[in-house]
Amino acid sequence: MPITTSWEEKGIERGLQRERSLILRQLTRRIGQLPETILAQVNELPIEQMEALGEALLDFVNLYDLQAWLASEVV
């Protein structure tokens, strides 16, 4: 099992935060201001789903597309 230092953990966390931030900015640019409830849902997604969302958002036209995608991702 690899051992990570606190510096590495902080770097990983910072990278994940940047990825979330980028995806949220792309969503806002693509479909407009997001309601707080949707923001909360997106922020709770695990990184794998955030990456999938980053690809899926290219096909979104409106908020309903995002809501449908979020509903389909709930396990």
PDB file of N, CA and C in Angstrom:
ATOM      1  N   MET A   1       0.849  -1.173   0.000  1.00  0.00           N
ATOM      2  CA  MET A   1       0.000   0.000   0.000  1.00  0.00           C
ATOM      3  C   MET A   1       0.896   1.238   0.000  1.00  0.00           C
ATOM      4  N   PRO A   2       0.693   2.142  -0.973  1.00  0.00           N
ATOM      5  CA  PRO A   2       1.529   3.342  -1.019  1.00  0.00           C
ATOM      6  C   PRO A   2       1.238   4.271   0.154  1.00  0.00           C
ATOM      7  N   ILE A   3       2.279   4.899   0.608  1.00  0.00           N
ATOM      8  CA  ILE A   3       2.149   5.859   1.700  1.00  0.00           C
ATOM      9  C   ILE A   3       2.189   7.254   1.098  1.00  0.00           C
ATOM     10  N   THR A   4       1.198   8.062   1.438  1.00  0.00           N
ATOM     11  CA  THR A   4       1.181   9.441   0.953  1.00  0.00           C
ATOM     12  C   THR A   4       1.443  10.373   2.115  1.00  0.00           C
ATOM     13  N   THR A   5       2.138  11.432   1.810  1.00  0.00           N
ATOM     14  CA  THR A   5       2.429  12.430   2.834  1.00  0.00           C
ATOM     15  C   THR A   5       1.281  13.423   2.904  1.00  0.00           C
ATOM     16  N   SER A   6       1.276  14.208   3.944  1.00  0.00           N
ATOM     17  CA  SER A   6       0.223  15.218   4.074  1.00  0.00           C
ATOM     18  C   SER A   6       0.301  16.220   2.926  1.00  0.00           C
ATOM     19  N   TRP A   7       1.512  16.490   2.425  1.00  0.00           N
ATOM     20  CA  TRP A   7       1.663  17.413   1.291  1.00  0.00           C
ATOM     21  C   TRP A   7       1.036  16.822   0.037  1.00  0.00           C
ATOM     22  N   GLU A   8       1.238  15.532  -0.162  1.00  0.00           N
ATOM     23  CA  GLU A   8       0.642  14.873  -1.318  1.00  0.00           C
ATOM     24  C   GLU A   8      -0.875  14.849  -1.206  1.00  0.00           C
ATOM     25  N   GLU A   9      -1.377  14.578  -0.015  1.00  0.00           N
ATOM     26  CA  GLU A   9      -2.826  14.570   0.200  1.00  0.00           C
ATOM     27  C   GLU A   9      -3.418  15.942  -0.067  1.00  0.00           C
ATOM     28  N   LYS A  10      -2.714  16.978   0.390  1.00  0.00           N
ATOM     29  CA  LYS A  10      -3.198  18.348   0.134  1.00  0.00           C
ATOM     30  C   LYS A  10      -3.188  18.652  -1.355  1.00  0.00           C
ATOM     31  N   GLY A  11      -2.167  18.178  -2.057  1.00  0.00           N
ATOM     32  CA  GLY A  11      -2.095  18.390  -3.504  1.00  0.00           C
ATOM     33  C   GLY A  11      -3.215  17.673  -4.234  1.00  0.00           C
ATOM     34  N   ILE A  12      -3.485  16.451  -3.821  1.00  0.00           N
ATOM     35  CA  ILE A  12      -4.582  15.690  -4.425  1.00  0.00           C
ATOM     36  C   ILE A  12      -5.906  16.389  -4.172  1.00  0.00           C
ATOM     37  N   GLU A  13      -6.135  16.815  -2.948  1.00  0.00           N
ATOM     38  CA  GLU A  13      -7.380  17.509  -2.596  1.00  0.00           C
ATOM     39  C   GLU A  13      -7.520  18.801  -3.391  1.00  0.00           C
ATOM     40  N   ARG A  14      -6.435  19.536  -3.537  1.00  0.00           N
ATOM     41  CA  ARG A  14      -6.476  20.789  -4.301  1.00  0.00           C
ATOM     42  C   ARG A  14      -6.829  20.502  -5.764  1.00  0.00           C
ATOM     43  N   GLY A  15      -6.277  19.426  -6.319  1.00  0.00           N
ATOM     44  CA  GLY A  15      -6.588  19.054  -7.693  1.00  0.00           C
ATOM     45  C   GLY A  15      -8.054  18.699  -7.866  1.00  0.00           C
ATOM     46  N   LEU A  16      -8.602  17.968  -6.905  1.00  0.00           N
ATOM     47  CA  LEU A  16     -10.015  17.608  -6.964  1.00  0.00           C
ATOM     48  C   LEU A  16     -10.906  18.840  -6.854  1.00  0.00           C
ATOM     49  N   GLN A  17     -10.525  19.774  -5.999  1.00  0.00           N
ATOM     50  CA  GLN A  17     -11.305  21.010  -5.864  1.00  0.00           C
ATOM     51  C   GLN A  17     -11.281  21.806  -7.158  1.00  0.00           C
ATOM     52  N   ARG A  18     -10.127  21.837  -7.812  1.00  0.00           N
ATOM     53  CA  ARG A  18     -10.026  22.567  -9.086  1.00  0.00           C
ATOM     54  C   ARG A  18     -10.884  21.914 -10.156  1.00  0.00           C
ATOM     55  N   GLU A  19     -10.899  20.585 -10.175  1.00  0.00           N
ATOM     56  CA  GLU A  19     -11.728  19.888 -11.157  1.00  0.00           C
ATOM     57  C   GLU A  19     -13.206  20.180 -10.917  1.00  0.00           C
ATOM     58  N   ARG A  20     -13.640  20.136  -9.669  1.00  0.00           N
ATOM     59  CA  ARG A  20     -15.033  20.475  -9.342  1.00  0.00           C
ATOM     60  C   ARG A  20     -15.361  21.899  -9.761  1.00  0.00           C
ATOM     61  N   SER A  21     -14.459  22.811  -9.447  1.00  0.00           N
ATOM     62  CA  SER A  21     -14.667  24.215  -9.779  1.00  0.00           C
ATOM     63  C   SER A  21     -14.794  24.409 -11.294  1.00  0.00           C
ATOM     64  N   LEU A  22     -13.928  23.753 -12.043  1.00  0.00           N
ATOM     65  CA  LEU A  22     -13.975  23.857 -13.500  1.00  0.00           C
ATOM     66  C   LEU A  22     -15.304  23.332 -14.043  1.00  0.00           C
ATOM     67  N   ILE A  23     -15.733  22.189 -13.568  1.00  0.00           N
ATOM     68  CA  ILE A  23     -16.983  21.605 -14.047  1.00  0.00           C
ATOM     69  C   ILE A  23     -18.172  22.492 -13.689  1.00  0.00           C
ATOM     70  N   LEU A  24     -18.164  23.058 -12.498  1.00  0.00           N
ATOM     71  CA  LEU A  24     -19.252  23.968 -12.109  1.00  0.00           C
ATOM     72  C   LEU A  24     -19.261  25.224 -12.980  1.00  0.00           C
ATOM     73  N   ARG A  25     -18.097  25.754 -13.303  1.00  0.00           N
ATOM     74  CA  ARG A  25     -18.032  26.930 -14.179  1.00  0.00           C
ATOM     75  C   ARG A  25     -18.537  26.579 -15.579  1.00  0.00           C
ATOM     76  N   GLN A  26     -18.162  25.395 -16.068  1.00  0.00           N
ATOM     77  CA  GLN A  26     -18.625  24.972 -17.385  1.00  0.00           C
ATOM     78  C   GLN A  26     -20.143  24.786 -17.403  1.00  0.00           C
ATOM     79  N   LEU A  27     -20.683  24.205 -16.339  1.00  0.00           N
ATOM     80  CA  LEU A  27     -22.137  24.043 -16.251  1.00  0.00           C
ATOM     81  C   LEU A  27     -22.836  25.395 -16.261  1.00  0.00           C
ATOM     82  N   THR A  28     -22.326  26.328 -15.484  1.00  0.00           N
ATOM     83  CA  THR A  28     -22.933  27.657 -15.406  1.00  0.00           C
ATOM     84  C   THR A  28     -22.877  28.352 -16.760  1.00  0.00           C
ATOM     85  N   ARG A  29     -21.770  28.214 -17.436  1.00  0.00           N
ATOM     86  CA  ARG A  29     -21.651  28.840 -18.751  1.00  0.00           C
ATOM     87  C   ARG A  29     -22.579  28.173 -19.767  1.00  0.00           C
ATOM     88  N   ARG A  30     -22.730  26.868 -19.651  1.00  0.00           N
ATOM     89  CA  ARG A  30     -23.540  26.117 -20.612  1.00  0.00           C
ATOM     90  C   ARG A  30     -25.037  26.326 -20.413  1.00  0.00           C
ATOM     91  N   ILE A  31     -25.496  26.283 -19.140  1.00  0.00           N
ATOM     92  CA  ILE A  31     -26.950  26.323 -18.921  1.00  0.00           C
ATOM     93  C   ILE A  31     -27.412  27.471 -18.036  1.00  0.00           C
ATOM     94  N   GLY A  32     -26.507  28.288 -17.545  1.00  0.00           N
ATOM     95  CA  GLY A  32     -26.890  29.433 -16.732  1.00  0.00           C
ATOM     96  C   GLY A  32     -26.751  29.171 -15.243  1.00  0.00           C
ATOM     97  N   GLN A  33     -27.188  30.147 -14.468  1.00  0.00           N
ATOM     98  CA  GLN A  33     -27.085  30.065 -13.008  1.00  0.00           C
ATOM     99  C   GLN A  33     -27.774  28.811 -12.488  1.00  0.00           C
ATOM    100  N   LEU A  34     -27.091  28.096 -11.605  1.00  0.00           N
ATOM    101  CA  LEU A  34     -27.627  26.844 -11.063  1.00  0.00           C
ATOM    102  C   LEU A  34     -28.292  27.088  -9.713  1.00  0.00           C
ATOM    103  N   PRO A  35     -29.448  26.475  -9.492  1.00  0.00           N
ATOM    104  CA  PRO A  35     -30.099  26.582  -8.186  1.00  0.00           C
ATOM    105  C   PRO A  35     -29.219  25.946  -7.102  1.00  0.00           C
ATOM    106  N   GLU A  36     -29.353  26.429  -5.891  1.00  0.00           N
ATOM    107  CA  GLU A  36     -28.552  25.919  -4.770  1.00  0.00           C
ATOM    108  C   GLU A  36     -28.717  24.417  -4.583  1.00  0.00           C
ATOM    109  N   THR A  37     -29.929  23.908  -4.782  1.00  0.00           N
ATOM    110  CA  THR A  37     -30.152  22.466  -4.607  1.00  0.00           C
ATOM    111  C   THR A  37     -29.342  21.651  -5.616  1.00  0.00           C
ATOM    112  N   ILE A  38     -29.256  22.150  -6.832  1.00  0.00           N
ATOM    113  CA  ILE A  38     -28.481  21.469  -7.867  1.00  0.00           C
ATOM    114  C   ILE A  38     -26.992  21.579  -7.548  1.00  0.00           C
ATOM    115  N   LEU A  39     -26.553  22.756  -7.120  1.00  0.00           N
ATOM    116  CA  LEU A  39     -25.148  22.926  -6.731  1.00  0.00           C
ATOM    117  C   LEU A  39     -24.765  21.933  -5.638  1.00  0.00           C
ATOM    118  N   ALA A  40     -25.628  21.769  -4.671  1.00  0.00           N
ATOM    119  CA  ALA A  40     -25.356  20.844  -3.572  1.00  0.00           C
ATOM    120  C   ALA A  40     -25.247  19.417  -4.099  1.00  0.00           C
ATOM    121  N   GLN A  41     -26.139  19.027  -4.999  1.00  0.00           N
ATOM    122  CA  GLN A  41     -26.094  17.683  -5.577  1.00  0.00           C
ATOM    123  C   GLN A  41     -24.789  17.452  -6.336  1.00  0.00           C
ATOM    124  N   VAL A  42     -24.405  18.419  -7.125  1.00  0.00           N
ATOM    125  CA  VAL A  42     -23.185  18.293  -7.922  1.00  0.00           C
ATOM    126  C   VAL A  42     -21.968  18.215  -7.005  1.00  0.00           C
ATOM    127  N   ASN A  43     -21.939  19.038  -5.975  1.00  0.00           N
ATOM    128  CA  ASN A  43     -20.800  19.040  -5.058  1.00  0.00           C
ATOM    129  C   ASN A  43     -20.671  17.750  -4.269  1.00  0.00           C
ATOM    130  N   GLU A  44     -21.730  16.984  -4.151  1.00  0.00           N
ATOM    131  CA  GLU A  44     -21.690  15.723  -3.417  1.00  0.00           C
ATOM    132  C   GLU A  44     -21.277  14.541  -4.294  1.00  0.00           C
ATOM    133  N   LEU A  45     -21.161  14.759  -5.597  1.00  0.00           N
ATOM    134  CA  LEU A  45     -20.800  13.660  -6.487  1.00  0.00           C
ATOM    135  C   LEU A  45     -19.374  13.189  -6.220  1.00  0.00           C
ATOM    136  N   PRO A  46     -19.162  11.876  -6.256  1.00  0.00           N
ATOM    137  CA  PRO A  46     -17.792  11.361  -6.173  1.00  0.00           C
ATOM    138  C   PRO A  46     -17.019  11.752  -7.437  1.00  0.00           C
ATOM    139  N   ILE A  47     -15.723  11.716  -7.356  1.00  0.00           N
ATOM    140  CA  ILE A  47     -14.892  12.206  -8.455  1.00  0.00           C
ATOM    141  C   ILE A  47     -15.178  11.493  -9.776  1.00  0.00           C
ATOM    142  N   GLU A  48     -15.462  10.201  -9.736  1.00  0.00           N
ATOM    143  CA  GLU A  48     -15.739   9.477 -10.973  1.00  0.00           C
ATOM    144  C   GLU A  48     -16.976  10.031 -11.671  1.00  0.00           C
ATOM    145  N   GLN A  49     -18.001  10.358 -10.890  1.00  0.00           N
ATOM    146  CA  GLN A  49     -19.224  10.925 -11.472  1.00  0.00           C
ATOM    147  C   GLN A  49     -18.991  12.366 -11.929  1.00  0.00           C
ATOM    148  N   MET A  50     -18.129  13.099 -11.214  1.00  0.00           N
ATOM    149  CA  MET A  50     -17.803  14.463 -11.655  1.00  0.00           C
ATOM    150  C   MET A  50     -17.125  14.418 -13.019  1.00  0.00           C
ATOM    151  N   GLU A  51     -16.238  13.467 -13.202  1.00  0.00           N
ATOM    152  CA  GLU A  51     -15.573  13.335 -14.494  1.00  0.00           C
ATOM    153  C   GLU A  51     -16.580  12.987 -15.587  1.00  0.00           C
ATOM    154  N   ALA A  52     -17.503  12.092 -15.289  1.00  0.00           N
ATOM    155  CA  ALA A  52     -18.552  11.746 -16.253  1.00  0.00           C
ATOM    156  C   ALA A  52     -19.421  12.959 -16.554  1.00  0.00           C
ATOM    157  N   LEU A  53     -19.724  13.751 -15.538  1.00  0.00           N
ATOM    158  CA  LEU A  53     -20.511  14.969 -15.730  1.00  0.00           C
ATOM    159  C   LEU A  53     -19.772  15.952 -16.622  1.00  0.00           C
ATOM    160  N   GLY A  54     -18.457  16.033 -16.447  1.00  0.00           N
ATOM    161  CA  GLY A  54     -17.653  16.919 -17.286  1.00  0.00           C
ATOM    162  C   GLY A  54     -17.786  16.595 -18.765  1.00  0.00           C
ATOM    163  N   GLU A  55     -17.958  15.332 -19.089  1.00  0.00           N
ATOM    164  CA  GLU A  55     -18.179  14.930 -20.483  1.00  0.00           C
ATOM    165  C   GLU A  55     -19.633  15.122 -20.885  1.00  0.00           C
ATOM    166  N   ALA A  56     -20.553  14.720 -20.022  1.00  0.00           N
ATOM    167  CA  ALA A  56     -21.982  14.785 -20.352  1.00  0.00           C
ATOM    168  C   ALA A  56     -22.462  16.219 -20.562  1.00  0.00           C
ATOM    169  N   LEU A  57     -21.903  17.163 -19.835  1.00  0.00           N
ATOM    170  CA  LEU A  57     -22.403  18.537 -19.915  1.00  0.00           C
ATOM    171  C   LEU A  57     -22.242  19.138 -21.298  1.00  0.00           C
ATOM    172  N   LEU A  58     -21.377  18.558 -22.107  1.00  0.00           N
ATOM    173  CA  LEU A  58     -21.215  19.061 -23.471  1.00  0.00           C
ATOM    174  C   LEU A  58     -22.484  18.885 -24.299  1.00  0.00           C
ATOM    175  N   ASP A  59     -23.325  17.948 -23.891  1.00  0.00           N
ATOM    176  CA  ASP A  59     -24.574  17.700 -24.610  1.00  0.00           C
ATOM    177  C   ASP A  59     -25.780  18.411 -23.993  1.00  0.00           C
ATOM    178  N   PHE A  60     -25.608  19.028 -22.842  1.00  0.00           N
ATOM    179  CA  PHE A  60     -26.724  19.685 -22.166  1.00  0.00           C
ATOM    180  C   PHE A  60     -27.144  20.941 -22.910  1.00  0.00           C
ATOM    181  N   VAL A  61     -28.454  21.144 -22.945  1.00  0.00           N
ATOM    182  CA  VAL A  61     -29.017  22.348 -23.556  1.00  0.00           C
ATOM    183  C   VAL A  61     -29.621  23.249 -22.483  1.00  0.00           C
ATOM    184  N   ASN A  62     -30.150  22.625 -21.426  1.00  0.00           N
ATOM    185  CA  ASN A  62     -30.806  23.415 -20.385  1.00  0.00           C
ATOM    186  C   ASN A  62     -30.695  22.705 -19.032  1.00  0.00           C
ATOM    187  N   LEU A  63     -31.267  23.310 -18.030  1.00  0.00           N
ATOM    188  CA  LEU A  63     -31.218  22.774 -16.673  1.00  0.00           C
ATOM    189  C   LEU A  63     -31.877  21.404 -16.580  1.00  0.00           C
ATOM    190  N   TYR A  64     -32.894  21.183 -17.372  1.00  0.00           N
ATOM    191  CA  TYR A  64     -33.595  19.893 -17.333  1.00  0.00           C
ATOM    192  C   TYR A  64     -32.665  18.738 -17.742  1.00  0.00           C
ATOM    193  N   ASP A  65     -31.755  19.004 -18.666  1.00  0.00           N
ATOM    194  CA  ASP A  65     -30.787  17.976 -19.057  1.00  0.00           C
ATOM    195  C   ASP A  65     -29.893  17.612 -17.873  1.00  0.00           C
ATOM    196  N   LEU A  66     -29.446  18.609 -17.137  1.00  0.00           N
ATOM    197  CA  LEU A  66     -28.617  18.360 -15.959  1.00  0.00           C
ATOM    198  C   LEU A  66     -29.407  17.604 -14.891  1.00  0.00           C
ATOM    199  N   GLN A  67     -30.629  18.027 -14.669  1.00  0.00           N
ATOM    200  CA  GLN A  67     -31.463  17.349 -13.669  1.00  0.00           C
ATOM    201  C   GLN A  67     -31.697  15.891 -14.058  1.00  0.00           C
ATOM    202  N   ALA A  68     -31.954  15.627 -15.328  1.00  0.00           N
ATOM    203  CA  ALA A  68     -32.163  14.262 -15.797  1.00  0.00           C
ATOM    204  C   ALA A  68     -30.887  13.432 -15.618  1.00  0.00           C
ATOM    205  N   TRP A  69     -29.742  14.034 -15.919  1.00  0.00           N
ATOM    206  CA  TRP A  69     -28.473  13.326 -15.756  1.00  0.00           C
ATOM    207  C   TRP A  69     -28.243  12.993 -14.282  1.00  0.00           C
ATOM    208  N   LEU A  70     -28.468  13.969 -13.409  1.00  0.00           N
ATOM    209  CA  LEU A  70     -28.301  13.715 -11.965  1.00  0.00           C
ATOM    210  C   LEU A  70     -29.237  12.621 -11.489  1.00  0.00           C
ATOM    211  N   ALA A  71     -30.475  12.619 -11.957  1.00  0.00           N
ATOM    212  CA  ALA A  71     -31.443  11.601 -11.551  1.00  0.00           C
ATOM    213  C   ALA A  71     -30.998  10.214 -12.033  1.00  0.00           C
ATOM    214  N   SER A  72     -30.400  10.152 -13.206  1.00  0.00           N
ATOM    215  CA  SER A  72     -29.967   8.855 -13.747  1.00  0.00           C
ATOM    216  C   SER A  72     -28.713   8.348 -13.057  1.00  0.00           C
ATOM    217  N   GLU A  73     -27.963   9.227 -12.416  1.00  0.00           N
ATOM    218  CA  GLU A  73     -26.712   8.840 -11.748  1.00  0.00           C
ATOM    219  C   GLU A  73     -26.927   8.415 -10.304  1.00  0.00           C
ATOM    220  N   VAL A  74     -28.086   8.694  -9.748  1.00  0.00           N
ATOM    221  CA  VAL A  74     -28.362   8.312  -8.351  1.00  0.00           C
ATOM    222  C   VAL A  74     -28.506   6.809  -8.296  1.00  0.00           C
ATOM    223  N   VAL A  75     -27.726   6.213  -7.429  1.00  0.00           N
ATOM    224  CA  VAL A  75     -27.751   4.750  -7.305  1.00  0.00           C
ATOM    225  C   VAL A  75     -28.575   4.335  -6.118  1.00  0.00           C
TER     226      VAL A  75
END
